[in-house]
Amino acid sequence: MSCYDIGCTDWRVLFNIGQYGPLSAVHVSQRTSIEKTKISRAVQRLVTQGWVERIYVEGDRRRHELALTAEGRSNFLSLRQQAALFNKTLETRLAKGSVAALIEQRQHLEADTESD
């Protein structure tokens, strides 16, 4: 993902918008268990990159949903494919129980990182 200059939080936001969007930042936060302030910073980076756009709710400029731009959709699809290939490679190279243990450890590390 480094060739796209995108971090883990940005990827998780991008993935959720791409997979389930358009979504509000509150919904992204609920789906990912990432603090709203971190979501806000990730959204701003993705908007600046031209990957995400804010779609304002008619009649209320304070409320908006987040959607992928055409460039964001293209990059999301490419990143999702790369992630799937990476996961498949891990599954074929690691013992059966190792994949589940690795995913569990990654989730613990993410939780520790997000609480900092």
PDB file of N, CA and C in Angstrom:
ATOM      1  N   MET A   1       0.816  -1.197   0.000  1.00  0.00           N
ATOM      2  CA  MET A   1       0.000   0.000   0.000  1.00  0.00           C
ATOM      3  C   MET A   1       0.855   1.254   0.000  1.00  0.00           C
ATOM      4  N   SER A   2       2.146   1.088   0.294  1.00  0.00           N
ATOM      5  CA  SER A   2       3.015   2.258   0.366  1.00  0.00           C
ATOM      6  C   SER A   2       3.153   2.959  -0.982  1.00  0.00           C
ATOM      7  N   CYS A   3       3.028   2.214  -2.089  1.00  0.00           N
ATOM      8  CA  CYS A   3       3.150   2.865  -3.395  1.00  0.00           C
ATOM      9  C   CYS A   3       1.995   3.842  -3.623  1.00  0.00           C
ATOM     10  N   TYR A   4       0.941   3.727  -2.851  1.00  0.00           N
ATOM     11  CA  TYR A   4      -0.180   4.658  -2.947  1.00  0.00           C
ATOM     12  C   TYR A   4      -0.087   5.767  -1.898  1.00  0.00           C
ATOM     13  N   ASP A   5       0.939   5.721  -1.057  1.00  0.00           N
ATOM     14  CA  ASP A   5       1.126   6.709   0.007  1.00  0.00           C
ATOM     15  C   ASP A   5      -0.122   6.778   0.894  1.00  0.00           C
ATOM     16  N   ILE A   6      -0.509   5.630   1.435  1.00  0.00           N
ATOM     17  CA  ILE A   6      -1.709   5.533   2.261  1.00  0.00           C
ATOM     18  C   ILE A   6      -1.389   4.692   3.495  1.00  0.00           C
ATOM     19  N   GLY A   7      -1.807   5.179   4.639  1.00  0.00           N
ATOM     20  CA  GLY A   7      -1.575   4.470   5.891  1.00  0.00           C
ATOM     21  C   GLY A   7      -2.722   3.539   6.241  1.00  0.00           C
ATOM     22  N   CYS A   8      -2.579   2.840   7.357  1.00  0.00           N
ATOM     23  CA  CYS A   8      -3.583   1.858   7.768  1.00  0.00           C
ATOM     24  C   CYS A   8      -4.945   2.487   8.025  1.00  0.00           C
ATOM     25  N   THR A   9      -4.984   3.586   8.745  1.00  0.00           N
ATOM     26  CA  THR A   9      -6.269   4.226   9.036  1.00  0.00           C
ATOM     27  C   THR A   9      -6.920   4.708   7.754  1.00  0.00           C
ATOM     28  N   ASP A  10      -6.129   5.315   6.876  1.00  0.00           N
ATOM     29  CA  ASP A  10      -6.666   5.780   5.595  1.00  0.00           C
ATOM     30  C   ASP A  10      -7.229   4.598   4.796  1.00  0.00           C
ATOM     31  N   TRP A  11      -6.489   3.480   4.792  1.00  0.00           N
ATOM     32  CA  TRP A  11      -6.945   2.296   4.071  1.00  0.00           C
ATOM     33  C   TRP A  11      -8.261   1.788   4.646  1.00  0.00           C
ATOM     34  N   ARG A  12      -8.366   1.736   5.961  1.00  0.00           N
ATOM     35  CA  ARG A  12      -9.593   1.227   6.575  1.00  0.00           C
ATOM     36  C   ARG A  12     -10.780   2.133   6.266  1.00  0.00           C
ATOM     37  N   VAL A  13     -10.547   3.440   6.261  1.00  0.00           N
ATOM     38  CA  VAL A  13     -11.609   4.383   5.889  1.00  0.00           C
ATOM     39  C   VAL A  13     -11.979   4.188   4.422  1.00  0.00           C
ATOM     40  N   LEU A  14     -10.973   4.150   3.561  1.00  0.00           N
ATOM     41  CA  LEU A  14     -11.192   3.964   2.127  1.00  0.00           C
ATOM     42  C   LEU A  14     -11.943   2.659   1.866  1.00  0.00           C
ATOM     43  N   PHE A  15     -11.513   1.586   2.518  1.00  0.00           N
ATOM     44  CA  PHE A  15     -12.151   0.288   2.319  1.00  0.00           C
ATOM     45  C   PHE A  15     -13.626   0.342   2.695  1.00  0.00           C
ATOM     46  N   ASN A  16     -13.934   0.912   3.841  1.00  0.00           N
ATOM     47  CA  ASN A  16     -15.329   0.947   4.286  1.00  0.00           C
ATOM     48  C   ASN A  16     -16.200   1.802   3.377  1.00  0.00           C
ATOM     49  N   ILE A  17     -15.677   2.915   2.927  1.00  0.00           N
ATOM     50  CA  ILE A  17     -16.442   3.753   1.996  1.00  0.00           C
ATOM     51  C   ILE A  17     -16.616   3.008   0.667  1.00  0.00           C
ATOM     52  N   GLY A  18     -15.554   2.370   0.199  1.00  0.00           N
ATOM     53  CA  GLY A  18     -15.621   1.638  -1.063  1.00  0.00           C
ATOM     54  C   GLY A  18     -16.524   0.426  -0.996  1.00  0.00           C
ATOM     55  N   GLN A  19     -16.487  -0.275   0.112  1.00  0.00           N
ATOM     56  CA  GLN A  19     -17.249  -1.507   0.254  1.00  0.00           C
ATOM     57  C   GLN A  19     -18.712  -1.248   0.621  1.00  0.00           C
ATOM     58  N   TYR A  20     -18.972  -0.229   1.452  1.00  0.00           N
ATOM     59  CA  TYR A  20     -20.319  -0.040   2.005  1.00  0.00           C
ATOM     60  C   TYR A  20     -20.916   1.339   1.749  1.00  0.00           C
ATOM     61  N   GLY A  21     -20.145   2.256   1.144  1.00  0.00           N
ATOM     62  CA  GLY A  21     -20.525   3.654   1.047  1.00  0.00           C
ATOM     63  C   GLY A  21     -21.584   3.939   0.032  1.00  0.00           C
ATOM     64  N   PRO A  22     -21.956   5.192  -0.064  1.00  0.00           N
ATOM     65  CA  PRO A  22     -21.486   6.305   0.764  1.00  0.00           C
ATOM     66  C   PRO A  22     -21.895   6.143   2.236  1.00  0.00           C
ATOM     67  N   LEU A  23     -21.010   6.618   3.105  1.00  0.00           N
ATOM     68  CA  LEU A  23     -21.204   6.535   4.552  1.00  0.00           C
ATOM     69  C   LEU A  23     -20.861   7.862   5.196  1.00  0.00           C
ATOM     70  N   SER A  24     -21.465   8.113   6.341  1.00  0.00           N
ATOM     71  CA  SER A  24     -21.051   9.271   7.130  1.00  0.00           C
ATOM     72  C   SER A  24     -19.788   8.891   7.904  1.00  0.00           C
ATOM     73  N   ALA A  25     -19.053   9.882   8.366  1.00  0.00           N
ATOM     74  CA  ALA A  25     -17.856   9.621   9.166  1.00  0.00           C
ATOM     75  C   ALA A  25     -18.229   8.876  10.449  1.00  0.00           C
ATOM     76  N   VAL A  26     -19.392   9.170  11.002  1.00  0.00           N
ATOM     77  CA  VAL A  26     -19.862   8.482  12.215  1.00  0.00           C
ATOM     78  C   VAL A  26     -20.040   6.990  11.921  1.00  0.00           C
ATOM     79  N   HIS A  27     -20.626   6.663  10.780  1.00  0.00           N
ATOM     80  CA  HIS A  27     -20.805   5.257  10.425  1.00  0.00           C
ATOM     81  C   HIS A  27     -19.465   4.561  10.192  1.00  0.00           C
ATOM     82  N   VAL A  28     -18.524   5.246   9.581  1.00  0.00           N
ATOM     83  CA  VAL A  28     -17.191   4.663   9.386  1.00  0.00           C
ATOM     84  C   VAL A  28     -16.568   4.387  10.750  1.00  0.00           C
ATOM     85  N   SER A  29     -16.687   5.329  11.666  1.00  0.00           N
ATOM     86  CA  SER A  29     -16.149   5.163  13.016  1.00  0.00           C
ATOM     87  C   SER A  29     -16.794   3.972  13.722  1.00  0.00           C
ATOM     88  N   GLN A  30     -18.094   3.831  13.592  1.00  0.00           N
ATOM     89  CA  GLN A  30     -18.799   2.709  14.217  1.00  0.00           C
ATOM     90  C   GLN A  30     -18.374   1.376  13.608  1.00  0.00           C
ATOM     91  N   ARG A  31     -18.192   1.336  12.308  1.00  0.00           N
ATOM     92  CA  ARG A  31     -17.823   0.089  11.624  1.00  0.00           C
ATOM     93  C   ARG A  31     -16.391  -0.334  11.944  1.00  0.00           C
ATOM     94  N   THR A  32     -15.518   0.638  12.165  1.00  0.00           N
ATOM     95  CA  THR A  32     -14.093   0.341  12.337  1.00  0.00           C
ATOM     96  C   THR A  32     -13.607   0.422  13.778  1.00  0.00           C
ATOM     97  N   SER A  33     -14.402   1.016  14.650  1.00  0.00           N
ATOM     98  CA  SER A  33     -13.993   1.267  16.044  1.00  0.00           C
ATOM     99  C   SER A  33     -12.763   2.172  16.119  1.00  0.00           C
ATOM    100  N   ILE A  34     -12.635   3.067  15.149  1.00  0.00           N
ATOM    101  CA  ILE A  34     -11.569   4.064  15.152  1.00  0.00           C
ATOM    102  C   ILE A  34     -12.177   5.370  15.663  1.00  0.00           C
ATOM    103  N   GLU A  35     -11.421   6.084  16.488  1.00  0.00           N
ATOM    104  CA  GLU A  35     -11.894   7.360  17.035  1.00  0.00           C
ATOM    105  C   GLU A  35     -12.289   8.321  15.921  1.00  0.00           C
ATOM    106  N   LYS A  36     -13.315   9.116  16.194  1.00  0.00           N
ATOM    107  CA  LYS A  36     -13.822  10.052  15.192  1.00  0.00           C
ATOM    108  C   LYS A  36     -12.758  11.058  14.748  1.00  0.00           C
ATOM    109  N   THR A  37     -11.884  11.479  15.649  1.00  0.00           N
ATOM    110  CA  THR A  37     -10.845  12.441  15.261  1.00  0.00           C
ATOM    111  C   THR A  37      -9.871  11.826  14.256  1.00  0.00           C
ATOM    112  N   LYS A  38      -9.540  10.546  14.454  1.00  0.00           N
ATOM    113  CA  LYS A  38      -8.647   9.866  13.502  1.00  0.00           C
ATOM    114  C   LYS A  38      -9.344   9.672  12.159  1.00  0.00           C
ATOM    115  N   ILE A  39     -10.640   9.375  12.208  1.00  0.00           N
ATOM    116  CA  ILE A  39     -11.422   9.248  10.967  1.00  0.00           C
ATOM    117  C   ILE A  39     -11.403  10.579  10.232  1.00  0.00           C
ATOM    118  N   SER A  40     -11.621  11.656  10.960  1.00  0.00           N
ATOM    119  CA  SER A  40     -11.666  12.990  10.360  1.00  0.00           C
ATOM    120  C   SER A  40     -10.353  13.331   9.665  1.00  0.00           C
ATOM    121  N   ARG A  41      -9.232  13.034  10.315  1.00  0.00           N
ATOM    122  CA  ARG A  41      -7.926  13.314   9.708  1.00  0.00           C
ATOM    123  C   ARG A  41      -7.697  12.444   8.473  1.00  0.00           C
ATOM    124  N   ALA A  42      -8.096  11.177   8.548  1.00  0.00           N
ATOM    125  CA  ALA A  42      -7.937  10.280   7.396  1.00  0.00           C
ATOM    126  C   ALA A  42      -8.808  10.750   6.239  1.00  0.00           C
ATOM    127  N   VAL A  43     -10.031  11.154   6.536  1.00  0.00           N
ATOM    128  CA  VAL A  43     -10.929  11.651   5.487  1.00  0.00           C
ATOM    129  C   VAL A  43     -10.324  12.882   4.829  1.00  0.00           C
ATOM    130  N   GLN A  44      -9.777  13.780   5.629  1.00  0.00           N
ATOM    131  CA  GLN A  44      -9.187  14.988   5.050  1.00  0.00           C
ATOM    132  C   GLN A  44      -8.022  14.653   4.123  1.00  0.00           C
ATOM    133  N   ARG A  45      -7.188  13.689   4.525  1.00  0.00           N
ATOM    134  CA  ARG A  45      -6.080  13.267   3.655  1.00  0.00           C
ATOM    135  C   ARG A  45      -6.614  12.669   2.354  1.00  0.00           C
ATOM    136  N   LEU A  46      -7.648  11.842   2.452  1.00  0.00           N
ATOM    137  CA  LEU A  46      -8.220  11.199   1.267  1.00  0.00           C
ATOM    138  C   LEU A  46      -8.921  12.210   0.365  1.00  0.00           C
ATOM    139  N   VAL A  47      -9.546  13.223   0.954  1.00  0.00           N
ATOM    140  CA  VAL A  47     -10.160  14.295   0.159  1.00  0.00           C
ATOM    141  C   VAL A  47      -9.069  15.081  -0.559  1.00  0.00           C
ATOM    142  N   THR A  48      -7.998  15.404   0.154  1.00  0.00           N
ATOM    143  CA  THR A  48      -6.882  16.149  -0.441  1.00  0.00           C
ATOM    144  C   THR A  48      -6.248  15.371  -1.593  1.00  0.00           C
ATOM    145  N   GLN A  49      -6.167  14.050  -1.451  1.00  0.00           N
ATOM    146  CA  GLN A  49      -5.614  13.208  -2.513  1.00  0.00           C
ATOM    147  C   GLN A  49      -6.566  13.072  -3.696  1.00  0.00           C
ATOM    148  N   GLY A  50      -7.813  13.467  -3.498  1.00  0.00           N
ATOM    149  CA  GLY A  50      -8.796  13.352  -4.568  1.00  0.00           C
ATOM    150  C   GLY A  50      -9.454  11.983  -4.651  1.00  0.00           C
ATOM    151  N   TRP A  51      -9.372  11.202  -3.573  1.00  0.00           N
ATOM    152  CA  TRP A  51      -9.935   9.855  -3.566  1.00  0.00           C
ATOM    153  C   TRP A  51     -11.338   9.805  -2.968  1.00  0.00           C
ATOM    154  N   VAL A  52     -11.647  10.758  -2.116  1.00  0.00           N
ATOM    155  CA  VAL A  52     -12.946  10.798  -1.420  1.00  0.00           C
ATOM    156  C   VAL A  52     -13.537  12.183  -1.595  1.00  0.00           C
ATOM    157  N   GLU A  53     -14.866  12.220  -1.688  1.00  0.00           N
ATOM    158  CA  GLU A  53     -15.564  13.501  -1.737  1.00  0.00           C
ATOM    159  C   GLU A  53     -16.676  13.505  -0.701  1.00  0.00           C
ATOM    160  N   ARG A  54     -16.997  14.693  -0.251  1.00  0.00           N
ATOM    161  CA  ARG A  54     -18.104  14.872   0.688  1.00  0.00           C
ATOM    162  C   ARG A  54     -19.362  15.211  -0.117  1.00  0.00           C
ATOM    163  N   ILE A  55     -20.416  14.488   0.150  1.00  0.00           N
ATOM    164  CA  ILE A  55     -21.703  14.754  -0.489  1.00  0.00           C
ATOM    165  C   ILE A  55     -22.628  15.289   0.598  1.00  0.00           C
ATOM    166  N   TYR A  56     -22.944  16.573   0.491  1.00  0.00           N
ATOM    167  CA  TYR A  56     -23.736  17.210   1.539  1.00  0.00           C
ATOM    168  C   TYR A  56     -25.210  16.844   1.424  1.00  0.00           C
ATOM    169  N   VAL A  57     -25.827  16.653   2.593  1.00  0.00           N
ATOM    170  CA  VAL A  57     -27.248  16.330   2.664  1.00  0.00           C
ATOM    171  C   VAL A  57     -28.035  17.573   2.275  1.00  0.00           C
ATOM    172  N   GLU A  58     -28.971  17.393   1.374  1.00  0.00           N
ATOM    173  CA  GLU A  58     -29.774  18.521   0.894  1.00  0.00           C
ATOM    174  C   GLU A  58     -30.486  19.186   2.067  1.00  0.00           C
ATOM    175  N   GLY A  59     -30.331  20.497   2.145  1.00  0.00           N
ATOM    176  CA  GLY A  59     -30.996  21.266   3.185  1.00  0.00           C
ATOM    177  C   GLY A  59     -30.235  21.349   4.500  1.00  0.00           C
ATOM    178  N   ASP A  60     -29.090  20.678   4.610  1.00  0.00           N
ATOM    179  CA  ASP A  60     -28.325  20.714   5.860  1.00  0.00           C
ATOM    180  C   ASP A  60     -26.840  20.603   5.533  1.00  0.00           C
ATOM    181  N   ARG A  61     -26.162  21.735   5.369  1.00  0.00           N
ATOM    182  CA  ARG A  61     -24.748  21.750   4.987  1.00  0.00           C
ATOM    183  C   ARG A  61     -23.825  21.216   6.086  1.00  0.00           C
ATOM    184  N   ARG A  62     -24.366  20.982   7.278  1.00  0.00           N
ATOM    185  CA  ARG A  62     -23.529  20.434   8.348  1.00  0.00           C
ATOM    186  C   ARG A  62     -23.379  18.927   8.216  1.00  0.00           C
ATOM    187  N   ARG A  63     -24.305  18.274   7.545  1.00  0.00           N
ATOM    188  CA  ARG A  63     -24.280  16.816   7.415  1.00  0.00           C
ATOM    189  C   ARG A  63     -23.840  16.427   6.009  1.00  0.00           C
ATOM    190  N   HIS A  64     -22.987  15.414   5.978  1.00  0.00           N
ATOM    191  CA  HIS A  64     -22.540  14.919   4.679  1.00  0.00           C
ATOM    192  C   HIS A  64     -22.197  13.437   4.768  1.00  0.00           C
ATOM    193  N   GLU A  65     -22.178  12.831   3.606  1.00  0.00           N
ATOM    194  CA  GLU A  65     -21.724  11.455   3.483  1.00  0.00           C
ATOM    195  C   GLU A  65     -20.435  11.457   2.676  1.00  0.00           C
ATOM    196  N   LEU A  66     -19.687  10.400   2.831  1.00  0.00           N
ATOM    197  CA  LEU A  66     -18.404  10.268   2.145  1.00  0.00           C
ATOM    198  C   LEU A  66     -18.541   9.236   1.040  1.00  0.00           C
ATOM    199  N   ALA A  67     -18.053   9.584  -0.130  1.00  0.00           N
ATOM    200  CA  ALA A  67     -18.118   8.685  -1.287  1.00  0.00           C
ATOM    201  C   ALA A  67     -16.777   8.710  -2.004  1.00  0.00           C
ATOM    202  N   LEU A  68     -16.491   7.651  -2.719  1.00  0.00           N
ATOM    203  CA  LEU A  68     -15.264   7.597  -3.501  1.00  0.00           C
ATOM    204  C   LEU A  68     -15.435   8.391  -4.790  1.00  0.00           C
ATOM    205  N   THR A  69     -14.380   9.084  -5.180  1.00  0.00           N
ATOM    206  CA  THR A  69     -14.338   9.718  -6.489  1.00  0.00           C
ATOM    207  C   THR A  69     -14.003   8.619  -7.510  1.00  0.00           C
ATOM    208  N   ALA A  70     -13.999   8.954  -8.787  1.00  0.00           N
ATOM    209  CA  ALA A  70     -13.623   7.968  -9.805  1.00  0.00           C
ATOM    210  C   ALA A  70     -12.196   7.469  -9.561  1.00  0.00           C
ATOM    211  N   GLU A  71     -11.291   8.388  -9.235  1.00  0.00           N
ATOM    212  CA  GLU A  71      -9.903   7.997  -8.935  1.00  0.00           C
ATOM    213  C   GLU A  71      -9.850   7.138  -7.679  1.00  0.00           C
ATOM    214  N   GLY A  72     -10.615   7.526  -6.669  1.00  0.00           N
ATOM    215  CA  GLY A  72     -10.668   6.752  -5.432  1.00  0.00           C
ATOM    216  C   GLY A  72     -11.194   5.352  -5.660  1.00  0.00           C
ATOM    217  N   ARG A  73     -12.228   5.211  -6.487  1.00  0.00           N
ATOM    218  CA  ARG A  73     -12.798   3.895  -6.814  1.00  0.00           C
ATOM    219  C   ARG A  73     -11.755   3.029  -7.521  1.00  0.00           C
ATOM    220  N   SER A  74     -11.054   3.603  -8.478  1.00  0.00           N
ATOM    221  CA  SER A  74     -10.023   2.873  -9.207  1.00  0.00           C
ATOM    222  C   SER A  74      -8.916   2.406  -8.262  1.00  0.00           C
ATOM    223  N   ASN A  75      -8.452   3.293  -7.397  1.00  0.00           N
ATOM    224  CA  ASN A  75      -7.392   2.934  -6.452  1.00  0.00           C
ATOM    225  C   ASN A  75      -7.889   1.928  -5.420  1.00  0.00           C
ATOM    226  N   PHE A  76      -9.125   2.091  -4.963  1.00  0.00           N
ATOM    227  CA  PHE A  76      -9.714   1.145  -4.013  1.00  0.00           C
ATOM    228  C   PHE A  76      -9.746  -0.261  -4.613  1.00  0.00           C
ATOM    229  N   LEU A  77     -10.207  -0.371  -5.848  1.00  0.00           N
ATOM    230  CA  LEU A  77     -10.288  -1.686  -6.493  1.00  0.00           C
ATOM    231  C   LEU A  77      -8.903  -2.312  -6.647  1.00  0.00           C
ATOM    232  N   SER A  78      -7.922  -1.506  -6.996  1.00  0.00           N
ATOM    233  CA  SER A  78      -6.554  -1.995  -7.131  1.00  0.00           C
ATOM    234  C   SER A  78      -5.993  -2.438  -5.784  1.00  0.00           C
ATOM    235  N   LEU A  79      -6.180  -1.618  -4.759  1.00  0.00           N
ATOM    236  CA  LEU A  79      -5.692  -1.959  -3.422  1.00  0.00           C
ATOM    237  C   LEU A  79      -6.392  -3.195  -2.869  1.00  0.00           C
ATOM    238  N   ARG A  80      -7.695  -3.293  -3.112  1.00  0.00           N
ATOM    239  CA  ARG A  80      -8.448  -4.457  -2.623  1.00  0.00           C
ATOM    240  C   ARG A  80      -7.923  -5.728  -3.286  1.00  0.00           C
ATOM    241  N   GLN A  81      -7.613  -5.652  -4.570  1.00  0.00           N
ATOM    242  CA  GLN A  81      -7.070  -6.807  -5.277  1.00  0.00           C
ATOM    243  C   GLN A  81      -5.694  -7.183  -4.717  1.00  0.00           C
ATOM    244  N   GLN A  82      -4.854  -6.179  -4.470  1.00  0.00           N
ATOM    245  CA  GLN A  82      -3.528  -6.440  -3.898  1.00  0.00           C
ATOM    246  C   GLN A  82      -3.645  -7.071  -2.512  1.00  0.00           C
ATOM    247  N   ALA A  83      -4.574  -6.574  -1.707  1.00  0.00           N
ATOM    248  CA  ALA A  83      -4.774  -7.126  -0.365  1.00  0.00           C
ATOM    249  C   ALA A  83      -5.253  -8.578  -0.438  1.00  0.00           C
ATOM    250  N   ALA A  84      -6.153  -8.875  -1.365  1.00  0.00           N
ATOM    251  CA  ALA A  84      -6.648 -10.238  -1.529  1.00  0.00           C
ATOM    252  C   ALA A  84      -5.522 -11.179  -1.954  1.00  0.00           C
ATOM    253  N   LEU A  85      -4.675 -10.723  -2.876  1.00  0.00           N
ATOM    254  CA  LEU A  85      -3.541 -11.537  -3.315  1.00  0.00           C
ATOM    255  C   LEU A  85      -2.553 -11.776  -2.171  1.00  0.00           C
ATOM    256  N   PHE A  86      -2.318 -10.739  -1.375  1.00  0.00           N
ATOM    257  CA  PHE A  86      -1.422 -10.866  -0.225  1.00  0.00           C
ATOM    258  C   PHE A  86      -1.974 -11.892   0.768  1.00  0.00           C
ATOM    259  N   ASN A  87      -3.287 -11.797   1.054  1.00  0.00           N
ATOM    260  CA  ASN A  87      -3.911 -12.749   1.979  1.00  0.00           C
ATOM    261  C   ASN A  87      -3.829 -14.171   1.438  1.00  0.00           C
ATOM    262  N   LYS A  88      -4.056 -14.340   0.147  1.00  0.00           N
ATOM    263  CA  LYS A  88      -3.983 -15.665  -0.468  1.00  0.00           C
ATOM    264  C   LYS A  88      -2.567 -16.232  -0.353  1.00  0.00           C
ATOM    265  N   THR A  89      -1.567 -15.378  -0.575  1.00  0.00           N
ATOM    266  CA  THR A  89      -0.173 -15.807  -0.446  1.00  0.00           C
ATOM    267  C   THR A  89       0.121 -16.251   0.987  1.00  0.00           C
ATOM    268  N   LEU A  90      -0.359 -15.482   1.954  1.00  0.00           N
ATOM    269  CA  LEU A  90      -0.164 -15.873   3.359  1.00  0.00           C
ATOM    270  C   LEU A  90      -0.814 -17.218   3.650  1.00  0.00           C
ATOM    271  N   GLU A  91      -2.026 -17.382   3.177  1.00  0.00           N
ATOM    272  CA  GLU A  91      -2.753 -18.627   3.435  1.00  0.00           C
ATOM    273  C   GLU A  91      -2.045 -19.839   2.844  1.00  0.00           C
ATOM    274  N   THR A  92      -1.422 -19.675   1.683  1.00  0.00           N
ATOM    275  CA  THR A  92      -0.752 -20.822   1.061  1.00  0.00           C
ATOM    276  C   THR A  92       0.611 -21.101   1.687  1.00  0.00           C
ATOM    277  N   ARG A  93       1.233 -20.096   2.274  1.00  0.00           N
ATOM    278  CA  ARG A  93       2.580 -20.278   2.825  1.00  0.00           C
ATOM    279  C   ARG A  93       2.604 -20.595   4.312  1.00  0.00           C
ATOM    280  N   LEU A  94       1.523 -20.306   5.003  1.00  0.00           N
ATOM    281  CA  LEU A  94       1.491 -20.544   6.439  1.00  0.00           C
ATOM    282  C   LEU A  94       0.631 -21.764   6.764  1.00  0.00           C
ATOM    283  N   ALA A  95       0.939 -22.390   7.886  1.00  0.00           N
ATOM    284  CA  ALA A  95       0.119 -23.504   8.354  1.00  0.00           C
ATOM    285  C   ALA A  95      -1.287 -23.000   8.668  1.00  0.00           C
ATOM    286  N   LYS A  96      -2.271 -23.888   8.611  1.00  0.00           N
ATOM    287  CA  LYS A  96      -3.670 -23.494   8.767  1.00  0.00           C
ATOM    288  C   LYS A  96      -3.928 -22.636  10.009  1.00  0.00           C
ATOM    289  N   GLY A  97      -3.500 -23.066  11.161  1.00  0.00           N
ATOM    290  CA  GLY A  97      -3.744 -22.325  12.395  1.00  0.00           C
ATOM    291  C   GLY A  97      -2.959 -21.033  12.488  1.00  0.00           C
ATOM    292  N   SER A  98      -1.882 -20.936  11.738  1.00  0.00           N
ATOM    293  CA  SER A  98      -1.028 -19.755  11.793  1.00  0.00           C
ATOM    294  C   SER A  98      -1.721 -18.511  11.240  1.00  0.00           C
ATOM    295  N   VAL A  99      -2.542 -18.660  10.209  1.00  0.00           N
ATOM    296  CA  VAL A  99      -3.216 -17.523   9.605  1.00  0.00           C
ATOM    297  C   VAL A  99      -4.169 -16.886  10.619  1.00  0.00           C
ATOM    298  N   ALA A 100      -4.968 -17.709  11.281  1.00  0.00           N
ATOM    299  CA  ALA A 100      -5.904 -17.191  12.286  1.00  0.00           C
ATOM    300  C   ALA A 100      -5.153 -16.518  13.427  1.00  0.00           C
ATOM    301  N   ALA A 101      -4.056 -17.122  13.878  1.00  0.00           N
ATOM    302  CA  ALA A 101      -3.262 -16.539  14.956  1.00  0.00           C
ATOM    303  C   ALA A 101      -2.647 -15.212  14.519  1.00  0.00           C
ATOM    304  N   LEU A 102      -2.187 -15.142  13.288  1.00  0.00           N
ATOM    305  CA  LEU A 102      -1.592 -13.917  12.753  1.00  0.00           C
ATOM    306  C   LEU A 102      -2.633 -12.794  12.695  1.00  0.00           C
ATOM    307  N   ILE A 103      -3.825 -13.110  12.215  1.00  0.00           N
ATOM    308  CA  ILE A 103      -4.902 -12.114  12.138  1.00  0.00           C
ATOM    309  C   ILE A 103      -5.265 -11.626  13.537  1.00  0.00           C
ATOM    310  N   GLU A 104      -5.341 -12.536  14.491  1.00  0.00           N
ATOM    311  CA  GLU A 104      -5.664 -12.158  15.865  1.00  0.00           C
ATOM    312  C   GLU A 104      -4.597 -11.237  16.451  1.00  0.00           C
ATOM    313  N   GLN A 105      -3.336 -11.558  16.223  1.00  0.00           N
ATOM    314  CA  GLN A 105      -2.243 -10.721  16.728  1.00  0.00           C
ATOM    315  C   GLN A 105      -2.260  -9.343  16.073  1.00  0.00           C
ATOM    316  N   ARG A 106      -2.539  -9.285  14.764  1.00  0.00           N
ATOM    317  CA  ARG A 106      -2.622  -7.997  14.061  1.00  0.00           C
ATOM    318  C   ARG A 106      -3.746  -7.144  14.658  1.00  0.00           C
ATOM    319  N   GLN A 107      -4.879  -7.759  14.973  1.00  0.00           N
ATOM    320  CA  GLN A 107      -5.990  -7.023  15.562  1.00  0.00           C
ATOM    321  C   GLN A 107      -5.617  -6.458  16.928  1.00  0.00           C
ATOM    322  N   HIS A 108      -4.878  -7.232  17.717  1.00  0.00           N
ATOM    323  CA  HIS A 108      -4.414  -6.740  19.019  1.00  0.00           C
ATOM    324  C   HIS A 108      -3.459  -5.562  18.839  1.00  0.00           C
ATOM    325  N   LEU A 109      -2.546  -5.661  17.864  1.00  0.00           N
ATOM    326  CA  LEU A 109      -1.608  -4.573  17.604  1.00  0.00           C
ATOM    327  C   LEU A 109      -2.347  -3.317  17.150  1.00  0.00           C
ATOM    328  N   GLU A 110      -3.336  -3.472  16.276  1.00  0.00           N
ATOM    329  CA  GLU A 110      -4.120  -2.328  15.806  1.00  0.00           C
ATOM    330  C   GLU A 110      -4.851  -1.663  16.963  1.00  0.00           C
ATOM    331  N   ALA A 111      -5.430  -2.478  17.844  1.00  0.00           N
ATOM    332  CA  ALA A 111      -6.157  -1.931  18.990  1.00  0.00           C
ATOM    333  C   ALA A 111      -5.206  -1.157  19.894  1.00  0.00           C
ATOM    334  N   ASP A 112      -4.007  -1.690  20.106  1.00  0.00           N
ATOM    335  CA  ASP A 112      -3.012  -1.001  20.935  1.00  0.00           C
ATOM    336  C   ASP A 112      -2.587   0.310  20.272  1.00  0.00           C
ATOM    337  N   THR A 113      -2.384   0.286  18.970  1.00  0.00           N
ATOM    338  CA  THR A 113      -1.950   1.475  18.230  1.00  0.00           C
ATOM    339  C   THR A 113      -3.022   2.544  18.242  1.00  0.00           C
ATOM    340  N   GLU A 114      -4.269   2.160  18.077  1.00  0.00           N
ATOM    341  CA  GLU A 114      -5.361   3.119  18.022  1.00  0.00           C
ATOM    342  C   GLU A 114      -5.639   3.761  19.381  1.00  0.00           C
ATOM    343  N   SER A 115      -5.302   3.065  20.463  1.00  0.00           N
ATOM    344  CA  SER A 115      -5.547   3.639  21.785  1.00  0.00           C
ATOM    345  C   SER A 115      -4.473   4.639  22.185  1.00  0.00           C
ATOM    346  N   ASP A 116      -3.354   4.677  21.448  1.00  0.00           N
ATOM    347  CA  ASP A 116      -2.263   5.630  21.756  1.00  0.00           C
ATOM    348  C   ASP A 116      -2.619   7.033  21.358  1.00  0.00           C
TER     349      ASP A 116
END
